[in-house]
Amino acid sequence: MFKLSQTDLRTKTDAELADLFNQASRHLATALRLTTCFAEAASALGLIRNELTRRGLHLR
């Protein structure tokens, strides 16, 4: 589902990052724990959050 790298995220616009963050959050909320989907979504969410923080942006 989510195949992202830090390099990929640095090329995204702020709006694209916010959208990816929301998609990962929704996917994480619906995925069963201890599944590959859950782990991928959690990892993607962490990468996106780190990039947003690096840019000084905060989602509400």
N, C-alpha and C. Protein backbone atom coordinates (compact mmCIF):
# COMPACT_ATOMS: atom_id res chain seq x y z
N MET A 1 0.82 -1.19 0.00
CA MET A 1 0.00 0.00 0.00
C MET A 1 0.86 1.25 0.00
N PHE A 2 1.74 1.40 0.97
CA PHE A 2 2.57 2.60 1.08
C PHE A 2 4.02 2.23 0.84
N LYS A 3 4.55 2.70 -0.27
CA LYS A 3 5.97 2.50 -0.57
C LYS A 3 6.58 3.88 -0.68
N LEU A 4 7.09 4.38 0.42
CA LEU A 4 7.63 5.72 0.47
C LEU A 4 9.05 5.70 1.00
N SER A 5 9.81 6.68 0.59
CA SER A 5 11.13 6.89 1.16
C SER A 5 11.24 8.36 1.53
N GLN A 6 12.24 8.68 2.30
CA GLN A 6 12.44 10.08 2.69
C GLN A 6 12.66 10.95 1.46
N THR A 7 13.37 10.41 0.47
CA THR A 7 13.61 11.16 -0.77
C THR A 7 12.30 11.44 -1.49
N ASP A 8 11.42 10.44 -1.56
CA ASP A 8 10.11 10.65 -2.19
C ASP A 8 9.32 11.75 -1.49
N LEU A 9 9.35 11.73 -0.17
CA LEU A 9 8.57 12.68 0.60
C LEU A 9 9.09 14.11 0.46
N ARG A 10 10.39 14.26 0.28
CA ARG A 10 10.97 15.60 0.15
C ARG A 10 10.54 16.28 -1.15
N THR A 11 10.14 15.50 -2.13
CA THR A 11 9.72 16.08 -3.41
C THR A 11 8.22 16.40 -3.44
N LYS A 12 7.49 15.98 -2.42
CA LYS A 12 6.04 16.23 -2.36
C LYS A 12 5.76 17.65 -1.89
N THR A 13 4.64 18.19 -2.35
CA THR A 13 4.21 19.50 -1.87
C THR A 13 3.62 19.33 -0.47
N ASP A 14 3.42 20.43 0.21
CA ASP A 14 2.81 20.39 1.54
C ASP A 14 1.42 19.75 1.48
N ALA A 15 0.65 20.10 0.45
CA ALA A 15 -0.70 19.54 0.31
C ALA A 15 -0.65 18.04 0.06
N GLU A 16 0.30 17.59 -0.75
CA GLU A 16 0.44 16.15 -1.01
C GLU A 16 0.82 15.40 0.26
N LEU A 17 1.71 16.00 1.05
CA LEU A 17 2.10 15.37 2.32
C LEU A 17 0.91 15.27 3.27
N ALA A 18 0.14 16.33 3.34
CA ALA A 18 -1.03 16.32 4.22
C ALA A 18 -2.01 15.25 3.77
N ASP A 19 -2.21 15.12 2.46
CA ASP A 19 -3.11 14.09 1.94
C ASP A 19 -2.58 12.69 2.25
N LEU A 20 -1.29 12.46 2.06
CA LEU A 20 -0.70 11.16 2.39
C LEU A 20 -0.83 10.85 3.87
N PHE A 21 -0.63 11.86 4.70
CA PHE A 21 -0.78 11.68 6.15
C PHE A 21 -2.20 11.23 6.48
N ASN A 22 -3.18 11.89 5.88
CA ASN A 22 -4.58 11.54 6.13
C ASN A 22 -4.90 10.13 5.62
N GLN A 23 -4.38 9.78 4.44
CA GLN A 23 -4.61 8.43 3.90
C GLN A 23 -4.01 7.38 4.83
N ALA A 24 -2.78 7.61 5.27
CA ALA A 24 -2.12 6.64 6.16
C ALA A 24 -2.86 6.53 7.48
N SER A 25 -3.34 7.65 7.99
CA SER A 25 -4.10 7.63 9.26
C SER A 25 -5.38 6.82 9.12
N ARG A 26 -6.10 7.03 8.03
CA ARG A 26 -7.34 6.27 7.81
C ARG A 26 -7.05 4.78 7.64
N HIS A 27 -5.99 4.47 6.90
CA HIS A 27 -5.63 3.07 6.68
C HIS A 27 -5.22 2.41 8.00
N LEU A 28 -4.49 3.15 8.81
CA LEU A 28 -4.05 2.62 10.10
C LEU A 28 -5.25 2.35 11.00
N ALA A 29 -6.24 3.21 10.95
CA ALA A 29 -7.42 3.06 11.80
C ALA A 29 -8.26 1.84 11.42
N THR A 30 -8.23 1.45 10.15
CA THR A 30 -9.06 0.33 9.71
C THR A 30 -8.31 -1.00 9.63
N ALA A 31 -6.98 -0.95 9.65
CA ALA A 31 -6.19 -2.18 9.54
C ALA A 31 -6.17 -2.93 10.88
N LEU A 32 -6.18 -4.23 10.78
CA LEU A 32 -6.05 -5.04 11.99
C LEU A 32 -4.62 -4.98 12.49
N ARG A 33 -4.48 -4.89 13.80
CA ARG A 33 -3.14 -4.85 14.38
C ARG A 33 -2.40 -6.16 14.08
N LEU A 34 -1.09 -6.04 14.06
CA LEU A 34 -0.21 -7.19 13.81
C LEU A 34 -0.37 -7.77 12.42
N THR A 35 -0.75 -6.92 11.47
CA THR A 35 -0.80 -7.34 10.08
C THR A 35 0.21 -6.52 9.30
N THR A 36 0.54 -6.97 8.11
CA THR A 36 1.47 -6.25 7.26
C THR A 36 0.91 -4.88 6.90
N CYS A 37 -0.37 -4.80 6.62
CA CYS A 37 -1.00 -3.52 6.28
C CYS A 37 -0.86 -2.52 7.41
N PHE A 38 -1.07 -2.98 8.63
CA PHE A 38 -0.94 -2.11 9.79
C PHE A 38 0.49 -1.61 9.92
N ALA A 39 1.45 -2.50 9.78
CA ALA A 39 2.86 -2.14 9.90
C ALA A 39 3.28 -1.16 8.81
N GLU A 40 2.83 -1.39 7.58
CA GLU A 40 3.16 -0.48 6.47
C GLU A 40 2.57 0.91 6.70
N ALA A 41 1.33 0.96 7.14
CA ALA A 41 0.67 2.25 7.39
C ALA A 41 1.36 2.98 8.53
N ALA A 42 1.71 2.28 9.58
CA ALA A 42 2.39 2.89 10.72
C ALA A 42 3.75 3.44 10.31
N SER A 43 4.47 2.69 9.51
CA SER A 43 5.77 3.13 9.03
C SER A 43 5.64 4.36 8.15
N ALA A 44 4.68 4.33 7.22
CA ALA A 44 4.44 5.48 6.34
C ALA A 44 4.06 6.70 7.15
N LEU A 45 3.22 6.52 8.14
CA LEU A 45 2.78 7.63 8.97
C LEU A 45 3.97 8.27 9.69
N GLY A 46 4.87 7.44 10.17
CA GLY A 46 6.07 7.96 10.83
C GLY A 46 6.96 8.75 9.89
N LEU A 47 7.17 8.23 8.69
CA LEU A 47 7.99 8.94 7.70
C LEU A 47 7.37 10.28 7.33
N ILE A 48 6.07 10.28 7.11
CA ILE A 48 5.36 11.50 6.73
C ILE A 48 5.42 12.51 7.87
N ARG A 49 5.17 12.05 9.08
CA ARG A 49 5.22 12.93 10.25
C ARG A 49 6.61 13.56 10.39
N ASN A 50 7.66 12.77 10.19
CA ASN A 50 9.03 13.30 10.27
C ASN A 50 9.28 14.38 9.23
N GLU A 51 8.79 14.18 8.02
CA GLU A 51 8.99 15.16 6.96
C GLU A 51 8.19 16.43 7.26
N LEU A 52 6.98 16.28 7.74
CA LEU A 52 6.18 17.46 8.11
C LEU A 52 6.87 18.25 9.21
N THR A 53 7.42 17.55 10.19
CA THR A 53 8.13 18.20 11.29
C THR A 53 9.38 18.90 10.77
N ARG A 54 10.10 18.26 9.86
CA ARG A 54 11.30 18.86 9.28
C ARG A 54 10.97 20.17 8.59
N ARG A 55 9.78 20.23 7.96
CA ARG A 55 9.34 21.44 7.27
C ARG A 55 8.71 22.46 8.22
N GLY A 56 8.50 22.07 9.45
CA GLY A 56 7.90 22.97 10.42
C GLY A 56 6.39 23.06 10.30
N LEU A 57 5.78 22.04 9.70
CA LEU A 57 4.32 22.01 9.53
C LEU A 57 3.71 21.09 10.56
N HIS A 58 2.48 21.41 10.96
CA HIS A 58 1.77 20.58 11.93
C HIS A 58 0.35 20.39 11.44
N LEU A 59 -0.11 19.16 11.41
CA LEU A 59 -1.50 18.87 11.02
C LEU A 59 -2.38 18.93 12.25
N ARG A 60 -3.59 19.38 12.06
CA ARG A 60 -4.53 19.47 13.18
C ARG A 60 -5.64 18.50 12.99
